Amino acid sequence: MRHGSSWMSNAASGDGTRKRVLIIHSDGNSFNNPSLKCIIDLLLEMGCQVELRYPVSDAPMPGVEGLRLLPYGKSMQRIKSIFTDRLCSWHLVFLGVLLEHIALYKKYDLILGVDRQGLIEAGALHKLTGTPCALLSFEIMFESETSPRYKRLERYASRMASAWLVQDDVRAQQLMTENGLQESNKILLPLASAGAGMPSPRRLRDQLHIPIDKKVAIAIGSVTTWAMTERILRSVADWPENWALIVHERYGMTSKILRRDITAVAHLVGQRIFVSDAAVDMVDDMGGVLAGVSAGLAFYEPDYMHPSSGKNLEYLGMASGKISTYLRYGIPVILNEIGLYADEARRFGFGSIAGDPEQIAAILAQFDDVRRGSAAKSYFLKELDFNIHRDRIWSGFRALMTKGEHLGA
């Protein structure tokens, strides 16, 4: 523990009992989110009892000492979606949360709602119990891509939030406009893990039998249209002969998802393109996946097919977990002109900007991965590392818990 036993005492209530925190996360991939994973670690380290309400999904949910898991299945997930997304009914949401409160929930000192559904349910629980709640924002839903009724429910719940966390000022401004949040309650937190990443001697590239004389570029995370995966795959035919590509979907379903897109480049699979169906339990455990990798690819193109892949990507800001993960392991990035990272890459020298995936080949032909790799790790440690922000985040959470004590929550 970094700050000694006095920090542990800060997690105790006035009567000496440990603080209890509920996190409501409707995506179910808490340990694949760098910031959320760090927040869970921080709360546990500070002596809090943490409970996580989430839907069962393809994402791994490892057991962690001190963390009580509260999963729910597909039927409950559908009911929640009908209440919050289709009917947009505060009364039905409140009734559902009331039933969960009676059957499942305990007395909490703080409730953290992740994104829209988490915020709405946290707001309902706040109304019911008076417990302070905060929003952890990773995706922004825009009224122009949903509906006034859809946003009305979210805006009403936003009134209950005593604080809200977001990655940067670009996204903060959009969130204030869309949700009516108060700037005075804003807490900025880059989407990033804690501490420098350590490469593992057990390298994914070796398990995929990539020759040692080849340099490797990797595309991690979502394998989808807005990540420009198909165009990246097609570009490999023009890459320098000494470069290969690994495609690594975060939940280990790369082959299944790529079944259609891989057909056009089937002759390159196993020679220049390597498909990884490996998966890690936590985003912090990418040392084996990224060991021996010389470049990380991060392309974003809003497709406006869903509210999460439209303006939410258009105003990406610093909300790229894959970029921060590359930088954490000292891997320079090749990215396109979107969000704030492109300007940061130019300024700090940790990457190269491509107008589109077809330009990757020209960049790789003269890519200085050693120099840019050093700049990548330096930038992560100085600007993104959760350890830089952890005391400020804990102080904010502690203030909310103290506020709850004074209000008698």
Protein backbone atom coordinates (compact mmCIF):
# COMPACT_ATOMS: atom_id res chain seq x y z
CA MET A 1 0.00 0.00 0.00
CA ARG A 2 1.40 3.35 -1.06
CA HIS A 3 0.35 5.68 1.69
CA GLY A 4 0.42 3.70 4.87
CA SER A 5 -2.26 2.58 7.30
CA SER A 6 -3.71 6.07 7.72
CA TRP A 7 -5.28 5.68 4.27
CA MET A 8 -7.02 2.52 5.40
CA SER A 9 -8.62 4.39 8.27
CA ASN A 10 -10.05 6.87 5.77
CA ALA A 11 -12.24 4.08 4.44
CA ALA A 12 -13.97 3.64 7.78
CA SER A 13 -17.29 5.21 8.72
CA GLY A 14 -17.72 7.23 11.85
CA ASP A 15 -18.75 4.08 13.70
CA GLY A 16 -15.58 2.29 12.57
CA THR A 17 -17.22 0.11 9.93
CA ARG A 18 -15.68 -0.11 6.47
CA LYS A 19 -17.08 2.01 3.67
CA ARG A 20 -19.20 0.12 1.18
CA VAL A 21 -19.31 1.14 -2.50
CA LEU A 22 -21.68 -0.13 -5.19
CA ILE A 23 -20.64 0.06 -8.86
CA ILE A 24 -23.39 -0.37 -11.48
CA HIS A 25 -21.92 -1.23 -14.88
CA SER A 26 -24.26 -2.39 -17.64
CA ASP A 27 -21.49 -3.36 -20.11
CA GLY A 28 -20.22 -6.19 -17.94
CA ASN A 29 -16.59 -5.70 -18.99
CA SER A 30 -15.28 -3.85 -15.95
CA PHE A 31 -11.84 -5.48 -16.00
CA ASN A 32 -11.31 -4.61 -19.66
CA ASN A 33 -11.74 -0.91 -18.90
CA PRO A 34 -8.40 0.55 -17.68
CA SER A 35 -9.85 3.34 -15.54
CA LEU A 36 -12.65 1.27 -14.05
CA LYS A 37 -10.29 -1.55 -13.18
CA CYS A 38 -7.97 0.95 -11.47
CA ILE A 39 -10.87 2.51 -9.56
CA ILE A 40 -11.94 -0.91 -8.28
CA ASP A 41 -8.34 -1.62 -7.23
CA LEU A 42 -8.10 1.77 -5.51
CA LEU A 43 -11.31 1.33 -3.53
CA LEU A 44 -10.25 -2.13 -2.40
CA GLU A 45 -6.79 -0.89 -1.46
CA MET A 46 -8.32 1.87 0.63
CA GLY A 47 -10.25 -0.69 2.63
CA CYS A 48 -13.67 -0.29 1.02
CA GLN A 49 -16.07 -3.15 0.53
CA VAL A 50 -16.93 -3.05 -3.17
CA GLU A 51 -19.93 -4.62 -4.89
CA LEU A 52 -20.29 -4.79 -8.67
CA ARG A 53 -23.68 -5.08 -10.38
CA TYR A 54 -23.27 -6.18 -14.00
CA PRO A 55 -24.75 -8.40 -16.75
CA VAL A 56 -23.12 -11.68 -17.69
CA SER A 57 -21.39 -11.26 -21.07
CA ASP A 58 -18.51 -12.54 -23.19
CA ALA A 59 -16.12 -10.43 -21.12
CA PRO A 60 -14.23 -12.30 -18.39
CA MET A 61 -15.13 -11.41 -14.81
CA PRO A 62 -12.36 -12.81 -12.61
CA GLY A 63 -12.83 -13.24 -8.90
CA VAL A 64 -11.04 -10.55 -6.91
CA GLU A 65 -10.59 -10.67 -3.15
CA GLY A 66 -12.82 -8.11 -1.47
CA LEU A 67 -15.06 -7.64 -4.50
CA ARG A 68 -18.62 -8.99 -4.30
CA LEU A 69 -20.01 -9.80 -7.73
CA LEU A 70 -23.72 -9.25 -8.37
CA PRO A 71 -24.35 -10.61 -11.89
CA TYR A 72 -27.64 -10.84 -13.73
CA GLY A 73 -28.65 -12.78 -16.83
CA LYS A 74 -30.06 -12.03 -20.26
CA SER A 75 -33.70 -11.89 -19.15
CA MET A 76 -32.97 -9.23 -16.55
CA GLN A 77 -30.81 -7.42 -19.10
CA ARG A 78 -33.74 -7.29 -21.54
CA ILE A 79 -36.11 -5.98 -18.87
CA LYS A 80 -33.67 -3.25 -17.87
CA SER A 81 -33.20 -2.29 -21.52
CA ILE A 82 -36.96 -2.04 -22.05
CA PHE A 83 -37.34 0.20 -19.00
CA THR A 84 -34.40 2.52 -19.75
CA ASP A 85 -34.04 2.48 -23.55
CA ARG A 86 -37.43 1.71 -25.07
CA LEU A 87 -40.00 2.98 -22.58
CA CYS A 88 -37.61 5.47 -20.95
CA SER A 89 -39.74 5.31 -17.83
CA TRP A 90 -38.38 6.68 -14.57
CA HIS A 91 -41.21 5.02 -12.62
CA LEU A 92 -40.40 1.57 -14.00
CA VAL A 93 -36.67 2.06 -13.44
CA PHE A 94 -37.37 3.16 -9.87
CA LEU A 95 -39.60 0.12 -9.28
CA GLY A 96 -36.92 -2.21 -10.65
CA VAL A 97 -34.21 -0.65 -8.49
CA LEU A 98 -36.53 -0.79 -5.46
CA LEU A 99 -36.94 -4.53 -5.95
CA GLU A 100 -33.16 -4.98 -6.35
CA HIS A 101 -32.64 -2.90 -3.22
CA ILE A 102 -34.98 -5.13 -1.21
CA ALA A 103 -33.63 -8.41 -2.55
CA LEU A 104 -29.96 -7.71 -3.12
CA TYR A 105 -28.48 -4.39 -2.19
CA LYS A 106 -27.10 -3.33 1.17
CA LYS A 107 -26.50 0.06 2.76
CA TYR A 108 -23.85 1.91 0.75
CA ASP A 109 -21.69 4.95 1.33
CA LEU A 110 -21.23 5.69 -2.37
CA ILE A 111 -22.79 4.53 -5.65
CA LEU A 112 -20.84 4.75 -8.91
CA GLY A 113 -22.96 4.53 -12.06
CA VAL A 114 -21.08 3.71 -15.26
CA ASP A 115 -22.47 5.41 -18.39
CA ARG A 116 -26.16 5.89 -19.13
CA GLN A 117 -27.84 2.88 -17.55
CA GLY A 118 -25.50 2.87 -14.58
CA LEU A 119 -26.20 6.56 -14.02
CA ILE A 120 -29.97 6.09 -14.24
CA GLU A 121 -30.01 3.19 -11.79
CA ALA A 122 -27.59 4.97 -9.46
CA GLY A 123 -29.85 8.01 -9.55
CA ALA A 124 -32.89 5.89 -8.67
CA LEU A 125 -31.03 4.29 -5.77
CA HIS A 126 -29.96 7.75 -4.60
CA LYS A 127 -33.61 8.86 -4.66
CA LEU A 128 -34.53 5.78 -2.66
CA THR A 129 -31.77 5.87 -0.04
CA GLY A 130 -30.10 9.30 -0.18
CA THR A 131 -26.71 7.69 -0.82
CA PRO A 132 -24.35 9.99 -2.80
CA CYS A 133 -23.79 8.87 -6.38
CA ALA A 134 -21.34 9.74 -9.14
CA LEU A 135 -21.20 9.13 -12.90
CA LEU A 136 -18.24 7.40 -14.53
CA SER A 137 -18.55 8.37 -18.21
CA PHE A 138 -16.91 6.37 -20.98
CA GLU A 139 -19.54 6.69 -23.70
CA ILE A 140 -21.67 9.74 -24.51
CA MET A 141 -25.16 9.34 -25.94
CA PHE A 142 -26.28 12.30 -28.06
CA GLU A 143 -29.90 13.44 -28.38
CA SER A 144 -29.50 13.90 -32.14
CA GLU A 145 -28.70 10.18 -32.43
CA THR A 146 -31.30 8.92 -29.94
CA SER A 147 -34.39 10.98 -29.01
CA PRO A 148 -35.47 13.72 -26.59
CA ARG A 149 -37.31 11.12 -24.50
CA TYR A 150 -34.23 8.89 -24.37
CA LYS A 151 -32.09 11.78 -23.13
CA ARG A 152 -34.76 13.16 -20.76
CA LEU A 153 -34.43 10.13 -18.49
CA GLU A 154 -30.64 10.42 -18.48
CA ARG A 155 -30.75 14.16 -17.77
CA TYR A 156 -33.12 13.63 -14.87
CA ALA A 157 -30.74 11.07 -13.37
CA SER A 158 -27.82 13.46 -13.95
CA ARG A 159 -29.34 15.80 -11.37
CA MET A 160 -28.67 13.15 -8.73
CA ALA A 161 -24.94 12.93 -9.46
CA SER A 162 -22.75 14.77 -6.97
CA ALA A 163 -19.70 14.27 -9.22
CA TRP A 164 -18.89 13.00 -12.70
CA LEU A 165 -15.67 11.61 -14.16
CA VAL A 166 -14.72 12.04 -17.81
CA GLN A 167 -11.48 11.71 -19.81
CA ASP A 168 -10.81 15.25 -21.06
CA ASP A 169 -12.29 18.70 -21.61
CA VAL A 170 -13.55 17.92 -25.13
CA ARG A 171 -15.73 15.10 -23.89
CA ALA A 172 -16.60 17.04 -20.75
CA GLN A 173 -18.05 19.88 -22.82
CA GLN A 174 -20.20 17.47 -24.83
CA LEU A 175 -21.38 15.71 -21.68
CA MET A 176 -22.33 19.00 -20.03
CA THR A 177 -24.32 19.99 -23.12
CA GLU A 178 -26.06 16.62 -23.48
CA ASN A 179 -26.74 15.88 -19.81
CA GLY A 180 -26.93 19.30 -18.15
CA LEU A 181 -24.11 18.44 -15.73
CA GLN A 182 -22.43 21.11 -13.64
CA GLU A 183 -18.81 21.92 -14.48
CA SER A 184 -18.02 22.40 -10.79
CA ASN A 185 -18.65 18.66 -10.22
CA LYS A 186 -16.33 17.56 -13.04
CA ILE A 187 -13.36 15.28 -12.39
CA LEU A 188 -10.96 14.62 -15.27
CA LEU A 189 -9.36 11.18 -15.45
CA PRO A 190 -7.50 9.85 -18.50
CA LEU A 191 -8.55 6.39 -19.66
CA ALA A 192 -5.42 4.52 -18.61
CA SER A 193 -4.02 1.78 -16.37
CA ALA A 194 -1.69 2.19 -13.40
CA GLY A 195 2.08 2.02 -13.82
CA ALA A 196 4.33 1.05 -16.69
CA GLY A 197 3.45 -2.20 -18.45
CA MET A 198 5.86 -5.10 -18.04
CA PRO A 199 6.44 -7.36 -21.06
CA SER A 200 6.08 -11.08 -20.49
CA PRO A 201 8.65 -13.65 -21.66
CA ARG A 202 5.70 -15.69 -22.95
CA ARG A 203 5.01 -13.76 -26.11
CA LEU A 204 1.88 -14.05 -28.22
CA ARG A 205 3.92 -13.51 -31.38
CA ASP A 206 5.94 -16.64 -30.61
CA GLN A 207 2.79 -18.68 -29.94
CA LEU A 208 1.53 -17.57 -33.36
CA HIS A 209 4.87 -18.70 -34.89
CA ILE A 210 5.79 -15.29 -36.31
CA PRO A 211 9.40 -15.43 -37.53
CA ILE A 212 11.85 -13.61 -35.27
CA ASP A 213 13.17 -11.51 -38.15
CA LYS A 214 9.78 -9.86 -38.70
CA LYS A 215 8.60 -6.73 -36.97
CA VAL A 216 5.04 -6.87 -35.70
CA ALA A 217 2.22 -4.35 -35.78
CA ILE A 218 -0.90 -5.19 -33.80
CA ALA A 219 -4.55 -4.15 -33.80
CA ILE A 220 -6.22 -4.82 -30.43
CA GLY A 221 -9.67 -4.21 -29.01
CA SER A 222 -12.81 -4.09 -31.10
CA VAL A 223 -12.74 -5.78 -34.51
CA THR A 224 -15.45 -3.89 -36.35
CA THR A 225 -16.34 -1.38 -39.05
CA TRP A 226 -15.62 1.73 -37.01
CA ALA A 227 -12.19 0.33 -36.10
CA MET A 228 -11.48 0.09 -39.87
CA THR A 229 -10.38 -3.53 -39.44
CA GLU A 230 -11.17 -4.69 -42.97
CA ARG A 231 -9.18 -1.85 -44.53
CA ILE A 232 -6.25 -2.55 -42.20
CA LEU A 233 -6.27 -6.19 -43.27
CA ARG A 234 -6.32 -5.27 -46.96
CA SER A 235 -3.45 -2.83 -46.49
CA VAL A 236 -1.06 -5.58 -45.34
CA ALA A 237 -0.41 -6.72 -48.91
CA ASP A 238 1.49 -3.46 -49.48
CA TRP A 239 3.43 -3.49 -46.22
CA PRO A 240 7.24 -3.88 -46.22
CA GLU A 241 8.21 -7.56 -46.32
CA ASN A 242 9.73 -7.46 -42.84
CA TRP A 243 6.43 -6.45 -41.17
CA ALA A 244 3.53 -8.68 -40.03
CA LEU A 245 0.14 -7.95 -38.47
CA ILE A 246 -1.53 -9.50 -35.41
CA VAL A 247 -5.28 -8.95 -34.99
CA HIS A 248 -6.33 -9.47 -31.37
CA GLU A 249 -9.98 -9.04 -30.38
CA ARG A 250 -10.14 -8.42 -26.66
CA TYR A 251 -12.51 -11.29 -25.76
CA GLY A 252 -10.76 -13.97 -27.81
CA MET A 253 -13.31 -14.14 -30.63
CA THR A 254 -11.15 -12.77 -33.45
CA SER A 255 -11.55 -15.70 -35.84
CA LYS A 256 -15.33 -15.76 -35.40
CA ILE A 257 -15.73 -12.03 -35.99
CA LEU A 258 -13.29 -11.93 -38.92
CA ARG A 259 -14.83 -14.90 -40.73
CA ARG A 260 -16.11 -12.70 -43.57
CA ASP A 261 -13.44 -9.99 -43.69
CA ILE A 262 -10.53 -12.44 -43.71
CA THR A 263 -11.65 -14.10 -46.98
CA ALA A 264 -10.21 -11.37 -49.20
CA VAL A 265 -6.76 -11.71 -47.59
CA ALA A 266 -6.80 -15.46 -46.91
CA HIS A 267 -3.55 -15.91 -48.86
CA LEU A 268 -1.78 -13.70 -46.29
CA VAL A 269 -3.05 -15.48 -43.19
CA GLY A 270 -0.23 -17.31 -41.47
CA GLN A 271 2.33 -15.49 -43.62
CA ARG A 272 1.79 -11.77 -43.04
CA ILE A 273 -1.47 -11.73 -41.05
CA PHE A 274 -1.83 -13.64 -37.78
CA VAL A 275 -5.15 -14.03 -35.98
CA SER A 276 -5.12 -14.24 -32.19
CA ASP A 277 -7.96 -15.94 -30.33
CA ALA A 278 -6.20 -15.51 -27.00
CA ALA A 279 -7.86 -13.45 -24.27
CA VAL A 280 -6.71 -11.97 -20.98
CA ASP A 281 -8.85 -11.63 -17.86
CA MET A 282 -7.78 -8.05 -17.19
CA VAL A 283 -6.59 -5.16 -19.31
CA ASP A 284 -3.51 -4.94 -17.06
CA ASP A 285 -2.38 -8.38 -18.24
CA MET A 286 -1.40 -7.46 -21.80
CA GLY A 287 2.33 -8.06 -21.29
CA GLY A 288 2.34 -11.31 -23.25
CA VAL A 289 0.11 -9.97 -26.02
CA LEU A 290 2.23 -6.87 -26.58
CA ALA A 291 5.72 -8.24 -25.94
CA GLY A 292 7.82 -8.09 -29.10
CA VAL A 293 5.39 -5.72 -30.84
CA SER A 294 6.88 -2.70 -32.62
CA ALA A 295 3.75 -0.69 -33.53
CA GLY A 296 0.18 -0.41 -32.30
CA LEU A 297 -2.60 0.44 -34.75
CA ALA A 298 -5.49 2.64 -33.60
CA PHE A 299 -7.96 3.75 -36.24
CA TYR A 300 -11.40 5.18 -35.56
CA GLU A 301 -14.06 6.05 -38.12
CA PRO A 302 -17.55 6.93 -36.86
CA ASP A 303 -20.10 4.83 -38.76
CA TYR A 304 -23.23 6.27 -37.08
CA MET A 305 -24.79 2.79 -37.03
CA HIS A 306 -25.34 3.02 -33.26
CA PRO A 307 -25.25 5.89 -30.74
CA SER A 308 -21.98 4.51 -29.36
CA SER A 309 -20.26 4.58 -32.77
CA GLY A 310 -21.38 7.97 -34.05
CA LYS A 311 -20.71 11.27 -32.33
CA ASN A 312 -19.32 9.34 -29.37
CA LEU A 313 -16.36 8.53 -31.66
CA GLU A 314 -16.46 11.86 -33.47
CA TYR A 315 -15.71 13.50 -30.12
CA LEU A 316 -13.28 10.77 -29.07
CA GLY A 317 -10.94 13.09 -27.18
CA MET A 318 -8.59 10.97 -25.06
CA ALA A 319 -11.10 8.14 -24.60
CA SER A 320 -9.06 5.45 -26.32
CA GLY A 321 -8.14 2.55 -24.07
CA LYS A 322 -6.19 0.83 -26.84
CA ILE A 323 -3.92 3.84 -27.39
CA SER A 324 -3.17 4.29 -23.69
CA THR A 325 -2.48 0.54 -23.43
CA TYR A 326 0.02 0.68 -26.29
CA LEU A 327 1.77 3.66 -24.70
CA ARG A 328 1.87 1.94 -21.31
CA TYR A 329 3.99 -0.83 -22.83
CA GLY A 330 6.21 1.59 -24.71
CA ILE A 331 4.70 0.73 -28.08
CA PRO A 332 4.51 3.63 -30.55
CA VAL A 333 1.17 4.19 -32.26
CA ILE A 334 0.05 4.60 -35.84
CA LEU A 335 -3.30 6.37 -35.72
CA ASN A 336 -5.62 8.43 -37.84
CA GLU A 337 -6.71 12.05 -37.46
CA ILE A 338 -9.38 11.78 -34.78
CA GLY A 339 -9.65 12.79 -31.15
CA LEU A 340 -6.86 14.52 -29.22
CA TYR A 341 -4.22 11.82 -29.48
CA ALA A 342 -3.16 12.77 -33.02
CA ASP A 343 -1.97 16.20 -31.88
CA GLU A 344 -0.36 14.65 -28.80
CA ALA A 345 1.51 12.17 -31.01
CA ARG A 346 2.90 15.02 -33.12
CA ARG A 347 3.85 17.05 -30.07
CA PHE A 348 5.48 14.28 -28.05
CA GLY A 349 6.72 12.03 -30.86
CA PHE A 350 5.15 8.75 -29.73
CA GLY A 351 3.45 7.95 -33.01
CA SER A 352 2.71 8.65 -36.66
CA ILE A 353 -0.48 9.94 -38.24
CA ALA A 354 -2.02 8.14 -41.22
CA GLY A 355 -4.82 9.69 -43.22
CA ASP A 356 -6.24 6.20 -43.71
CA PRO A 357 -5.11 2.55 -43.33
CA GLU A 358 -3.77 2.55 -46.88
CA GLN A 359 -0.97 4.86 -45.67
CA ILE A 360 0.29 2.39 -43.05
CA ALA A 361 2.66 0.76 -45.54
CA ALA A 362 4.54 4.00 -46.27
CA ILE A 363 4.81 4.78 -42.55
CA LEU A 364 6.19 1.33 -41.70
CA ALA A 365 8.85 1.67 -44.38
CA GLN A 366 10.57 4.35 -42.31
CA PHE A 367 9.15 3.72 -38.83
CA ASP A 368 11.59 4.42 -35.98
CA ASP A 369 10.01 2.19 -33.36
CA VAL A 370 12.91 2.48 -30.89
CA ARG A 371 12.88 6.27 -30.60
CA ARG A 372 9.12 6.52 -30.72
CA GLY A 373 8.79 3.65 -28.22
CA SER A 374 10.84 5.57 -25.67
CA ALA A 375 8.63 8.62 -26.23
CA ALA A 376 5.53 6.43 -25.81
CA LYS A 377 6.48 5.17 -22.37
CA SER A 378 7.63 8.61 -21.25
CA TYR A 379 4.32 10.16 -22.31
CA PHE A 380 2.32 7.50 -20.50
CA LEU A 381 4.20 7.92 -17.23
CA LYS A 382 4.03 11.73 -17.30
CA GLU A 383 0.50 12.26 -18.58
CA LEU A 384 -1.73 9.18 -18.38
CA ASP A 385 -0.62 6.86 -15.58
CA PHE A 386 -3.50 6.35 -13.11
CA ASN A 387 -0.97 6.60 -10.28
CA ILE A 388 -0.62 10.31 -11.06
CA HIS A 389 -4.32 10.84 -10.43
CA ARG A 390 -5.16 8.25 -7.79
CA ASP A 391 -4.87 10.49 -4.71
CA ARG A 392 -7.07 13.15 -6.31
CA ILE A 393 -9.65 10.53 -7.30
CA TRP A 394 -9.68 9.01 -3.82
CA SER A 395 -10.03 12.44 -2.24
CA GLY A 396 -13.06 13.09 -4.44
CA PHE A 397 -14.68 9.77 -3.52
CA ARG A 398 -13.88 10.28 0.16
CA ALA A 399 -15.48 13.73 0.07
CA LEU A 400 -18.67 12.24 -1.37
CA MET A 401 -18.74 9.56 1.32
CA THR A 402 -18.23 12.19 4.01
CA LYS A 403 -21.05 14.23 2.48
CA GLY A 404 -23.24 11.15 2.76
CA GLU A 405 -22.37 10.78 6.44
CA HIS A 406 -23.39 14.38 7.12
CA LEU A 407 -26.66 13.86 5.27
CA GLY A 408 -27.31 10.68 7.20
CA ALA A 409 -27.31 8.44 4.13
